[in-house]
C-alpha atoms as a PDB file:
ATOM      1  CA  UNK A   1       2.013-146.565 159.155  1.00  0.00           C
ATOM      2  CA  UNK A   2      -1.764-146.774 159.380  1.00  0.00           C
ATOM      3  CA  UNK A   3      -3.553-148.259 156.364  1.00  0.00           C
ATOM      4  CA  UNK A   4      -7.183-147.680 155.412  1.00  0.00           C
ATOM      5  CA  UNK A   5      -9.418-150.116 153.541  1.00  0.00           C
ATOM      6  CA  UNK A   6     -10.054-149.516 149.831  1.00  0.00           C
ATOM      7  CA  UNK A   7      -7.653-146.565 149.739  1.00  0.00           C
ATOM      8  CA  UNK A   8      -9.967-144.438 151.895  1.00  0.00           C
ATOM      9  CA  UNK A   9      -8.579-141.266 153.389  1.00  0.00           C
ATOM     10  CA  UNK A  10      -8.080-141.104 157.169  1.00  0.00           C
ATOM     11  CA  UNK A  11     -10.895-139.561 159.225  1.00  0.00           C
ATOM     12  CA  UNK A  12     -11.047-135.778 158.815  1.00  0.00           C
ATOM     13  CA  UNK A  13     -10.405-135.217 162.507  1.00  0.00           C
ATOM     14  CA  UNK A  14      -7.053-137.001 162.132  1.00  0.00           C
ATOM     15  CA  UNK A  15      -5.846-134.553 159.490  1.00  0.00           C
ATOM     16  CA  UNK A  16      -6.135-131.307 161.479  1.00  0.00           C
ATOM     17  CA  UNK A  17      -5.533-131.129 165.212  1.00  0.00           C
ATOM     18  CA  UNK A  18      -4.478-128.739 167.943  1.00  0.00           C
ATOM     19  CA  UNK A  19      -0.950-129.302 169.155  1.00  0.00           C
ATOM     20  CA  UNK A  20       1.199-128.424 172.152  1.00  0.00           C
ATOM     21  CA  UNK A  21       4.807-128.128 173.194  1.00  0.00           C
ATOM     22  CA  UNK A  22       4.515-131.394 175.102  1.00  0.00           C
ATOM     23  CA  UNK A  23       3.034-133.287 172.166  1.00  0.00           C
ATOM     24  CA  UNK A  24       5.245-131.796 169.471  1.00  0.00           C
ATOM     25  CA  UNK A  25       7.584-134.779 169.169  1.00  0.00           C
ATOM     26  CA  UNK A  26       4.742-137.251 168.724  1.00  0.00           C
ATOM     27  CA  UNK A  27       2.317-135.098 166.720  1.00  0.00           C
ATOM     28  CA  UNK A  28       4.873-133.501 164.383  1.00  0.00           C
ATOM     29  CA  UNK A  29       8.365-134.978 164.407  1.00  0.00           C
ATOM     30  CA  UNK A  30       7.418-138.649 164.659  1.00  0.00           C
ATOM     31  CA  UNK A  31       4.219-138.291 162.654  1.00  0.00           C
ATOM     32  CA  UNK A  32       6.155-136.665 159.790  1.00  0.00           C
ATOM     33  CA  UNK A  33       7.985-139.934 159.241  1.00  0.00           C
ATOM     34  CA  UNK A  34       4.722-141.268 157.778  1.00  0.00           C
ATOM     35  CA  UNK A  35       3.371-138.189 155.943  1.00  0.00           C
ATOM     36  CA  UNK A  36       4.485-134.546 155.889  1.00  0.00           C
ATOM     37  CA  UNK A  37       3.116-132.487 158.774  1.00  0.00           C
ATOM     38  CA  UNK A  38       2.397-128.757 158.521  1.00  0.00           C
ATOM     39  CA  UNK A  39       2.643-126.736 161.733  1.00  0.00           C
ATOM     40  CA  UNK A  40       0.642-123.497 161.962  1.00  0.00           C
ATOM     41  CA  UNK A  41       1.844-121.238 164.786  1.00  0.00           C
ATOM     42  CA  UNK A  42      -0.992-118.831 165.614  1.00  0.00           C
ATOM     43  CA  UNK A  43      -2.651-116.849 168.414  1.00  0.00           C
ATOM     44  CA  UNK A  44      -6.263-115.790 169.075  1.00  0.00           C
ATOM     45  CA  UNK A  45      -5.417-112.074 168.810  1.00  0.00           C
ATOM     46  CA  UNK A  46      -3.725-112.435 165.394  1.00  0.00           C
ATOM     47  CA  UNK A  47      -5.903-111.178 162.535  1.00  0.00           C
ATOM     48  CA  UNK A  48      -3.831-112.664 159.673  1.00  0.00           C
ATOM     49  CA  UNK A  49      -3.899-116.017 161.496  1.00  0.00           C
ATOM     50  CA  UNK A  50      -7.689-116.032 161.218  1.00  0.00           C
ATOM     51  CA  UNK A  51      -7.368-115.288 157.499  1.00  0.00           C
ATOM     52  CA  UNK A  52      -4.828-118.041 156.899  1.00  0.00           C
ATOM     53  CA  UNK A  53      -6.386-120.780 159.022  1.00  0.00           C
ATOM     54  CA  UNK A  54      -9.493-121.794 157.039  1.00  0.00           C
ATOM     55  CA  UNK A  55      -7.879-122.072 153.563  1.00  0.00           C
ATOM     56  CA  UNK A  56      -4.902-123.899 155.060  1.00  0.00           C
ATOM     57  CA  UNK A  57      -7.206-126.427 156.721  1.00  0.00           C
ATOM     58  CA  UNK A  58      -9.197-126.755 153.498  1.00  0.00           C
ATOM     59  CA  UNK A  59      -6.049-127.481 151.447  1.00  0.00           C
ATOM     60  CA  UNK A  60      -4.908-130.118 153.954  1.00  0.00           C
ATOM     61  CA  UNK A  61      -8.292-131.858 153.972  1.00  0.00           C
ATOM     62  CA  UNK A  62      -8.456-131.768 150.164  1.00  0.00           C
ATOM     63  CA  UNK A  63      -5.085-133.567 150.058  1.00  0.00           C
ATOM     64  CA  UNK A  64      -6.922-136.639 151.350  1.00  0.00           C
ATOM     65  CA  UNK A  65      -4.447-137.775 153.966  1.00  0.00           C
ATOM     66  CA  UNK A  66      -1.234-137.057 152.054  1.00  0.00           C
ATOM     67  CA  UNK A  67      -0.377-134.348 154.597  1.00  0.00           C
ATOM     68  CA  UNK A  68      -1.481-133.388 158.124  1.00  0.00           C
ATOM     69  CA  UNK A  69      -1.855-130.087 159.972  1.00  0.00           C
ATOM     70  CA  UNK A  70      -1.026-129.316 163.586  1.00  0.00           C
ATOM     71  CA  UNK A  71      -2.138-125.924 164.936  1.00  0.00           C
ATOM     72  CA  UNK A  72      -0.191-124.528 167.904  1.00  0.00           C
ATOM     73  CA  UNK A  73      -1.392-121.548 169.924  1.00  0.00           C
ATOM     74  CA  UNK A  74       1.860-119.782 170.867  1.00  0.00           C
ATOM     75  CA  UNK A  75       0.221-117.929 173.781  1.00  0.00           C
ATOM     76  CA  UNK A  76      -0.361-121.273 175.478  1.00  0.00           C
ATOM     77  CA  UNK A  77       2.645-123.085 173.966  1.00  0.00           C
ATOM     78  CA  UNK A  78       5.577-120.713 173.386  1.00  0.00           C
ATOM     79  CA  UNK A  79       8.345-123.307 173.749  1.00  0.00           C
ATOM     80  CA  UNK A  80       8.727-124.863 170.289  1.00  0.00           C
ATOM     81  CA  UNK A  81       7.988-121.570 168.534  1.00  0.00           C
ATOM     82  CA  UNK A  82      10.810-119.973 170.497  1.00  0.00           C
ATOM     83  CA  UNK A  83      13.195-122.802 169.643  1.00  0.00           C
ATOM     84  CA  UNK A  84      12.394-122.399 165.942  1.00  0.00           C
ATOM     85  CA  UNK A  85      12.957-118.645 166.125  1.00  0.00           C
ATOM     86  CA  UNK A  86       9.374-117.650 165.339  1.00  0.00           C
ATOM     87  CA  UNK A  87       9.214-113.866 165.752  1.00  0.00           C
ATOM     88  CA  UNK A  88       5.945-113.093 164.008  1.00  0.00           C
ATOM     89  CA  UNK A  89       2.778-114.988 163.202  1.00  0.00           C
ATOM     90  CA  UNK A  90       1.239-116.650 161.389  1.00  0.00           C
ATOM     91  CA  UNK A  91       4.317-118.789 160.859  1.00  0.00           C
ATOM     92  CA  UNK A  92       3.965-122.071 158.990  1.00  0.00           C
ATOM     93  CA  UNK A  93       6.560-124.852 158.997  1.00  0.00           C
ATOM     94  CA  UNK A  94       6.435-128.128 157.089  1.00  0.00           C
ATOM     95  CA  UNK A  95       8.113-131.206 158.547  1.00  0.00           C
ATOM     96  CA  UNK A  96       9.067-134.317 156.616  1.00  0.00           C
ATOM     97  CA  UNK A  97      11.034-137.284 157.925  1.00  0.00           C
ATOM     98  CA  UNK A  98      11.427-135.566 161.271  1.00  0.00           C
ATOM     99  CA  UNK A  99      12.879-132.270 160.100  1.00  0.00           C
ATOM    100  CA  UNK A 100      11.623-128.917 158.779  1.00  0.00           C
ATOM    101  CA  UNK A 101      11.773-128.766 154.987  1.00  0.00           C
ATOM    102  CA  UNK A 102       9.680-125.751 153.971  1.00  0.00           C
ATOM    103  CA  UNK A 103       7.576-122.925 155.314  1.00  0.00           C
ATOM    104  CA  UNK A 104       6.360-119.361 154.997  1.00  0.00           C
ATOM    105  CA  UNK A 105       5.468-116.336 157.113  1.00  0.00           C
ATOM    106  CA  UNK A 106       2.262-114.310 157.077  1.00  0.00           C
ATOM    107  CA  UNK A 107      -1.058-114.869 155.356  1.00  0.00           C
ATOM    108  CA  UNK A 108      -0.728-115.818 151.688  1.00  0.00           C
ATOM    109  CA  UNK A 109      -3.377-116.243 148.957  1.00  0.00           C
ATOM    110  CA  UNK A 110      -5.345-119.481 148.839  1.00  0.00           C
ATOM    111  CA  UNK A 111      -3.782-120.368 145.465  1.00  0.00           C
ATOM    112  CA  UNK A 112      -0.302-120.241 147.012  1.00  0.00           C
ATOM    113  CA  UNK A 113      -1.460-122.282 150.002  1.00  0.00           C
ATOM    114  CA  UNK A 114      -2.725-124.944 147.611  1.00  0.00           C
ATOM    115  CA  UNK A 115       0.612-125.030 145.777  1.00  0.00           C
ATOM    116  CA  UNK A 116       2.495-125.182 149.099  1.00  0.00           C
ATOM    117  CA  UNK A 117       0.543-128.288 150.097  1.00  0.00           C
ATOM    118  CA  UNK A 118       0.887-129.847 146.647  1.00  0.00           C
ATOM    119  CA  UNK A 119       4.637-129.362 146.764  1.00  0.00           C
ATOM    120  CA  UNK A 120       4.797-131.246 150.055  1.00  0.00           C
ATOM    121  CA  UNK A 121       2.710-134.128 148.763  1.00  0.00           C
ATOM    122  CA  UNK A 122       4.815-134.527 145.629  1.00  0.00           C
ATOM    123  CA  UNK A 123       1.926-133.684 143.343  1.00  0.00           C
ATOM    124  CA  UNK A 124       2.698-132.905 139.708  1.00  0.00           C
ATOM    125  CA  UNK A 125       2.832-129.100 139.516  1.00  0.00           C
ATOM    126  CA  UNK A 126       3.817-128.838 135.861  1.00  0.00           C
ATOM    127  CA  UNK A 127       0.422-127.370 135.028  1.00  0.00           C
ATOM    128  CA  UNK A 128       1.158-124.465 137.377  1.00  0.00           C
ATOM    129  CA  UNK A 129       4.864-124.119 136.595  1.00  0.00           C
ATOM    130  CA  UNK A 130       4.859-124.208 132.789  1.00  0.00           C
ATOM    131  CA  UNK A 131       2.695-121.086 132.280  1.00  0.00           C
ATOM    132  CA  UNK A 132       4.867-119.172 134.753  1.00  0.00           C
ATOM    133  CA  UNK A 133       8.016-120.166 132.853  1.00  0.00           C
ATOM    134  CA  UNK A 134       6.519-119.183 129.517  1.00  0.00           C
ATOM    135  CA  UNK A 135       5.341-115.843 130.870  1.00  0.00           C
ATOM    136  CA  UNK A 136       8.751-115.125 132.415  1.00  0.00           C
ATOM    137  CA  UNK A 137      10.572-116.031 129.194  1.00  0.00           C
ATOM    138  CA  UNK A 138       8.284-113.759 127.185  1.00  0.00           C
ATOM    139  CA  UNK A 139       8.838-110.917 129.676  1.00  0.00           C
ATOM    140  CA  UNK A 140      12.601-111.397 129.382  1.00  0.00           C
ATOM    141  CA  UNK A 141      12.350-111.349 125.591  1.00  0.00           C
ATOM    142  CA  UNK A 142      10.412-108.061 125.756  1.00  0.00           C
ATOM    143  CA  UNK A 143      12.870-106.507 128.185  1.00  0.00           C
ATOM    144  CA  UNK A 144      10.423-106.539 131.107  1.00  0.00           C
ATOM    145  CA  UNK A 145      13.002-107.333 133.784  1.00  0.00           C
ATOM    146  CA  UNK A 146      10.597-106.985 136.702  1.00  0.00           C
ATOM    147  CA  UNK A 147       7.979-109.237 135.137  1.00  0.00           C
ATOM    148  CA  UNK A 148      10.538-111.888 134.253  1.00  0.00           C
ATOM    149  CA  UNK A 149      12.037-111.842 137.749  1.00  0.00           C
ATOM    150  CA  UNK A 150       8.588-112.188 139.299  1.00  0.00           C
ATOM    151  CA  UNK A 151       7.770-115.187 137.110  1.00  0.00           C
ATOM    152  CA  UNK A 152      11.026-117.023 137.709  1.00  0.00           C
ATOM    153  CA  UNK A 153      10.847-116.324 141.448  1.00  0.00           C
ATOM    154  CA  UNK A 154       7.335-117.792 141.573  1.00  0.00           C
ATOM    155  CA  UNK A 155       8.609-120.964 139.865  1.00  0.00           C
ATOM    156  CA  UNK A 156      11.526-121.285 142.277  1.00  0.00           C
ATOM    157  CA  UNK A 157       9.143-121.034 145.213  1.00  0.00           C
ATOM    158  CA  UNK A 158       7.360-124.075 143.806  1.00  0.00           C
ATOM    159  CA  UNK A 159      10.440-125.923 142.563  1.00  0.00           C
ATOM    160  CA  UNK A 160      13.747-124.571 143.957  1.00  0.00           C
ATOM    161  CA  UNK A 161      15.785-126.827 141.643  1.00  0.00           C
ATOM    162  CA  UNK A 162      14.009-125.843 138.421  1.00  0.00           C
ATOM    163  CA  UNK A 163      16.804-125.389 135.883  1.00  0.00           C
ATOM    164  CA  UNK A 164      14.834-123.168 133.521  1.00  0.00           C
ATOM    165  CA  UNK A 165      13.999-120.774 136.341  1.00  0.00           C
ATOM    166  CA  UNK A 166      17.562-120.737 137.698  1.00  0.00           C
ATOM    167  CA  UNK A 167      19.077-120.082 134.290  1.00  0.00           C
ATOM    168  CA  UNK A 168      16.374-117.523 133.596  1.00  0.00           C
ATOM    169  CA  UNK A 169      17.415-115.586 136.687  1.00  0.00           C
ATOM    170  CA  UNK A 170      21.053-115.871 135.579  1.00  0.00           C
ATOM    171  CA  UNK A 171      20.136-114.434 132.177  1.00  0.00           C
ATOM    172  CA  UNK A 172      18.401-111.565 133.956  1.00  0.00           C
ATOM    173  CA  UNK A 173      21.603-110.845 135.872  1.00  0.00           C
ATOM    174  CA  UNK A 174      23.592-110.889 132.643  1.00  0.00           C
ATOM    175  CA  UNK A 175      21.121-108.508 131.031  1.00  0.00           C
ATOM    176  CA  UNK A 176      22.049-106.104 133.822  1.00  0.00           C
ATOM    177  CA  UNK A 177      25.786-106.622 133.160  1.00  0.00           C
ATOM    178  CA  UNK A 178      26.213-108.522 136.430  1.00  0.00           C
ATOM    179  CA  UNK A 179      28.243-111.585 135.487  1.00  0.00           C
ATOM    180  CA  UNK A 180      29.259-112.218 139.106  1.00  0.00           C
ATOM    181  CA  UNK A 181      25.644-112.514 140.199  1.00  0.00           C
ATOM    182  CA  UNK A 182      24.906-114.792 137.258  1.00  0.00           C
ATOM    183  CA  UNK A 183      27.699-117.103 138.423  1.00  0.00           C
ATOM    184  CA  UNK A 184      26.278-117.110 141.952  1.00  0.00           C
ATOM    185  CA  UNK A 185      22.833-117.992 140.630  1.00  0.00           C
ATOM    186  CA  UNK A 186      24.212-120.851 138.516  1.00  0.00           C
ATOM    187  CA  UNK A 187      25.765-122.322 141.661  1.00  0.00           C
ATOM    188  CA  UNK A 188      22.210-123.365 142.654  1.00  0.00           C
ATOM    189  CA  UNK A 189      21.908-125.714 139.672  1.00  0.00           C
ATOM    190  CA  UNK A 190      21.840-129.339 140.930  1.00  0.00           C
ATOM    191  CA  UNK A 191      25.116-131.127 140.064  1.00  0.00           C
ATOM    192  CA  UNK A 192      23.314-133.710 137.946  1.00  0.00           C
ATOM    193  CA  UNK A 193      21.932-130.888 135.752  1.00  0.00           C
ATOM    194  CA  UNK A 194      25.285-129.181 135.166  1.00  0.00           C
ATOM    195  CA  UNK A 195      25.291-130.192 131.477  1.00  0.00           C
ATOM    196  CA  UNK A 196      21.701-129.253 130.808  1.00  0.00           C
ATOM    197  CA  UNK A 197      21.475-127.247 127.540  1.00  0.00           C
ATOM    198  CA  UNK A 198      19.985-124.289 129.437  1.00  0.00           C
ATOM    199  CA  UNK A 199      22.962-124.239 131.800  1.00  0.00           C
ATOM    200  CA  UNK A 200      25.464-124.600 128.969  1.00  0.00           C
ATOM    201  CA  UNK A 201      23.719-121.730 127.218  1.00  0.00           C
ATOM    202  CA  UNK A 202      24.244-119.384 130.148  1.00  0.00           C
ATOM    203  CA  UNK A 203      27.846-120.566 130.438  1.00  0.00           C
ATOM    204  CA  UNK A 204      28.287-119.631 126.782  1.00  0.00           C
ATOM    205  CA  UNK A 205      26.744-116.222 127.496  1.00  0.00           C
ATOM    206  CA  UNK A 206      29.208-115.683 130.329  1.00  0.00           C
ATOM    207  CA  UNK A 207      32.069-116.598 128.010  1.00  0.00           C
ATOM    208  CA  UNK A 208      30.786-114.192 125.360  1.00  0.00           C
ATOM    209  CA  UNK A 209      30.499-111.426 127.922  1.00  0.00           C
ATOM    210  CA  UNK A 210      34.045-112.035 129.164  1.00  0.00           C
ATOM    211  CA  UNK A 211      35.506-112.067 125.654  1.00  0.00           C
ATOM    212  CA  UNK A 212      33.679-108.889 124.677  1.00  0.00           C
ATOM    213  CA  UNK A 213      35.298-106.711 127.329  1.00  0.00           C
ATOM    214  CA  UNK A 214      37.691-105.213 124.768  1.00  0.00           C
ATOM    215  CA  UNK A 215      35.238-105.017 121.874  1.00  0.00           C
ATOM    216  CA  UNK A 216      34.383-101.374 122.395  1.00  0.00           C
ATOM    217  CA  UNK A 217      31.240 -99.266 122.701  1.00  0.00           C
ATOM    218  CA  UNK A 218      28.333-100.681 120.694  1.00  0.00           C
ATOM    219  CA  UNK A 219      27.037 -97.241 119.652  1.00  0.00           C
ATOM    220  CA  UNK A 220      30.437 -96.178 118.314  1.00  0.00           C
ATOM    221  CA  UNK A 221      30.856 -99.516 116.558  1.00  0.00           C
ATOM    222  CA  UNK A 222      27.389 -99.230 115.003  1.00  0.00           C
ATOM    223  CA  UNK A 223      28.382 -95.855 113.580  1.00  0.00           C
ATOM    224  CA  UNK A 224      31.646 -97.308 112.236  1.00  0.00           C
ATOM    225  CA  UNK A 225      29.802-100.186 110.518  1.00  0.00           C
ATOM    226  CA  UNK A 226      27.193 -97.813 109.078  1.00  0.00           C
ATOM    227  CA  UNK A 227      29.964 -95.640 107.668  1.00  0.00           C
ATOM    228  CA  UNK A 228      31.871 -98.602 106.223  1.00  0.00           C
ATOM    229  CA  UNK A 229      29.822-101.830 105.913  1.00  0.00           C
ATOM    230  CA  UNK A 230      32.875-103.649 104.568  1.00  0.00           C
ATOM    231  CA  UNK A 231      34.868-103.076 107.783  1.00  0.00           C
ATOM    232  CA  UNK A 232      34.516-106.685 108.931  1.00  0.00           C
ATOM    233  CA  UNK A 233      36.615-106.235 112.057  1.00  0.00           C
ATOM    234  CA  UNK A 234      34.361-103.399 113.247  1.00  0.00           C
ATOM    235  CA  UNK A 235      31.318-105.544 112.463  1.00  0.00           C
ATOM    236  CA  UNK A 236      32.815-108.469 114.391  1.00  0.00           C
ATOM    237  CA  UNK A 237      33.567-106.202 117.362  1.00  0.00           C
ATOM    238  CA  UNK A 238      30.014-104.896 117.198  1.00  0.00           C
ATOM    239  CA  UNK A 239      28.670-108.459 117.288  1.00  0.00           C
ATOM    240  CA  UNK A 240      30.768-109.131 120.385  1.00  0.00           C
ATOM    241  CA  UNK A 241      29.523-105.969 122.078  1.00  0.00           C
ATOM    242  CA  UNK A 242      25.902-106.797 121.262  1.00  0.00           C
ATOM    243  CA  UNK A 243      26.196-110.352 122.546  1.00  0.00           C
ATOM    244  CA  UNK A 244      27.702-109.092 125.803  1.00  0.00           C
ATOM    245  CA  UNK A 245      24.667-106.826 126.162  1.00  0.00           C
ATOM    246  CA  UNK A 246      22.321-109.764 125.551  1.00  0.00           C
ATOM    247  CA  UNK A 247      21.307-108.815 122.005  1.00  0.00           C
ATOM    248  CA  UNK A 248      22.002-112.239 120.522  1.00  0.00           C
ATOM    249  CA  UNK A 249      19.778-111.639 117.509  1.00  0.00           C
ATOM    250  CA  UNK A 250      21.701-108.503 116.562  1.00  0.00           C
ATOM    251  CA  UNK A 251      25.024-110.241 117.101  1.00  0.00           C
ATOM    252  CA  UNK A 252      23.896-113.179 114.949  1.00  0.00           C
ATOM    253  CA  UNK A 253      22.826-110.883 112.118  1.00  0.00           C
ATOM    254  CA  UNK A 254      26.210-109.143 111.982  1.00  0.00           C
ATOM    255  CA  UNK A 255      28.149-112.400 112.104  1.00  0.00           C
ATOM    256  CA  UNK A 256      26.042-113.814 109.283  1.00  0.00           C
ATOM    257  CA  UNK A 257      26.778-110.650 107.289  1.00  0.00           C
ATOM    258  CA  UNK A 258      30.511-111.249 107.754  1.00  0.00           C
ATOM    259  CA  UNK A 259      30.225-114.878 106.626  1.00  0.00           C
ATOM    260  CA  UNK A 260      28.184-113.824 103.585  1.00  0.00           C
ATOM    261  CA  UNK A 261      30.923-111.332 102.662  1.00  0.00           C
ATOM    262  CA  UNK A 262      33.921-113.580 103.432  1.00  0.00           C
ATOM    263  CA  UNK A 263      33.299-117.122 104.670  1.00  0.00           C
ATOM    264  CA  UNK A 264      36.838-117.681 105.924  1.00  0.00           C
ATOM    265  CA  UNK A 265      37.516-114.199 107.294  1.00  0.00           C
ATOM    266  CA  UNK A 266      40.041-114.147 110.135  1.00  0.00           C
ATOM    267  CA  UNK A 267      40.432-117.945 110.224  1.00  0.00           C
ATOM    268  CA  UNK A 268      36.692-118.609 110.327  1.00  0.00           C
ATOM    269  CA  UNK A 269      36.259-116.379 113.397  1.00  0.00           C
ATOM    270  CA  UNK A 270      32.729-115.254 112.516  1.00  0.00           C
ATOM    271  CA  UNK A 271      31.341-118.768 112.099  1.00  0.00           C
ATOM    272  CA  UNK A 272      32.964-119.951 115.353  1.00  0.00           C
ATOM    273  CA  UNK A 273      31.514-116.966 117.189  1.00  0.00           C
ATOM    274  CA  UNK A 274      28.127-117.584 115.605  1.00  0.00           C
ATOM    275  CA  UNK A 275      28.047-121.142 116.934  1.00  0.00           C
ATOM    276  CA  UNK A 276      28.695-119.779 120.434  1.00  0.00           C
ATOM    277  CA  UNK A 277      25.769-117.401 119.930  1.00  0.00           C
ATOM    278  CA  UNK A 278      23.524-120.344 119.013  1.00  0.00           C
ATOM    279  CA  UNK A 279      24.596-122.223 122.128  1.00  0.00           C
ATOM    280  CA  UNK A 280      24.061-119.167 124.319  1.00  0.00           C
ATOM    281  CA  UNK A 281      20.586-118.562 122.888  1.00  0.00           C
ATOM    282  CA  UNK A 282      19.605-122.220 123.267  1.00  0.00           C
ATOM    283  CA  UNK A 283      19.132-124.860 120.549  1.00  0.00           C
ATOM    284  CA  UNK A 284      15.351-124.311 120.327  1.00  0.00           C
ATOM    285  CA  UNK A 285      15.498-120.511 120.326  1.00  0.00           C
ATOM    286  CA  UNK A 286      14.457-118.435 117.337  1.00  0.00           C
ATOM    287  CA  UNK A 287      17.985-117.031 117.219  1.00  0.00           C
ATOM    288  CA  UNK A 288      19.476-120.501 116.780  1.00  0.00           C
ATOM    289  CA  UNK A 289      16.822-121.975 114.482  1.00  0.00           C
ATOM    290  CA  UNK A 290      16.621-119.008 112.118  1.00  0.00           C
ATOM    291  CA  UNK A 291      20.370-118.412 112.289  1.00  0.00           C
ATOM    292  CA  UNK A 292      21.179-121.989 111.295  1.00  0.00           C
ATOM    293  CA  UNK A 293      18.832-121.767 108.325  1.00  0.00           C
ATOM    294  CA  UNK A 294      20.480-118.544 107.169  1.00  0.00           C
ATOM    295  CA  UNK A 295      23.961-119.999 107.724  1.00  0.00           C
ATOM    296  CA  UNK A 296      23.094-123.064 105.638  1.00  0.00           C
ATOM    297  CA  UNK A 297      21.747-120.859 102.884  1.00  0.00           C
ATOM    298  CA  UNK A 298      25.024-118.900 102.814  1.00  0.00           C
ATOM    299  CA  UNK A 299      27.339-121.908 102.970  1.00  0.00           C
ATOM    300  CA  UNK A 300      25.511-124.068 100.446  1.00  0.00           C
ATOM    301  CA  UNK A 301      24.317-121.470  97.987  1.00  0.00           C
END
C-alpha cells in the first residue's frame, strides 16, 4: 500500500483514470485490495454516461483517496464488460478485495452517487439513514404503504443489513395479509441480529396473525361487541382479528377492556394476549408504553 506524508490524499490523477481490458487485473482487481475501486463502463455515444460521469468523478475525488475510479470505454474494450454481463450503459461496478461488491445501472442523482461512494468507504451514513427510517415508520403508521416501502427500500440500498428497514418491510407485508412474504423478508436478517427486539416484534406479529385465523370477521365481531359489550369472548375474538390486520392499538384497547371487566377471564387469556401485542408493537412504541400504563392502572387500582 502506498502511504502519503502527513495524511495527504494521493494525487488527483491517481484517483480517476481510463482503463482497458488488458489493464483490468492491475487497475481494478489488484488495486481493490488496497482501496475499493469503482468501474464506470461507458461509451462516447451514450447520453446518460455523460450525465453520470462528472458527479461520479467529483464524489470519488471528494473521498480523498478512500476510493478510486476506473473508466472503461466499452467500444474500445468490450471484453470485461461482456464477461460481467453488461447489457446497457452506464453500468457501474464497485470492487473490493478483488471482487465485485456493489453497483448500479443507469444515471442516478448526485445525492445517490455520493451515498454510493460513502457506503464503499465505510463512512457513517446514520445522518442519511435515520431520517429515511423515521419517514418510513410514520408513513406506515398513517397507512401510506407506498411511501413506507419507498423509505425502507432507500435505507436497504444504503445498508442492506439494516434490521429496522428489513422488519419494516416485513410489517408492510403483514399489513397486506401476506405472512409468507413477511417470512421471506425476515430471512434477510443477519443471524447475529435474530434476537433483536424489532425482529422478535415481527415474529410476535406473525404468531398473532396465525392464531387469529379462526377469530372471525372483524366487522361482524365489532357489531357483536357493540350489541353486547359484556360478551368478553366476542371482544377477545375481535382483538385477535384486529391484531391480525395490524391494528395493534385497537386490539390493545379491547384486551384492556376485558381485563378491566374481569382480570382473570379465561385463565388470564386477555393479559397474556396483551403482552404479545406489546411485543409485536415494540417496547418503545406508543401502543406498548400507553398500554402498560393503562394495564398498571387497572391491576393496581
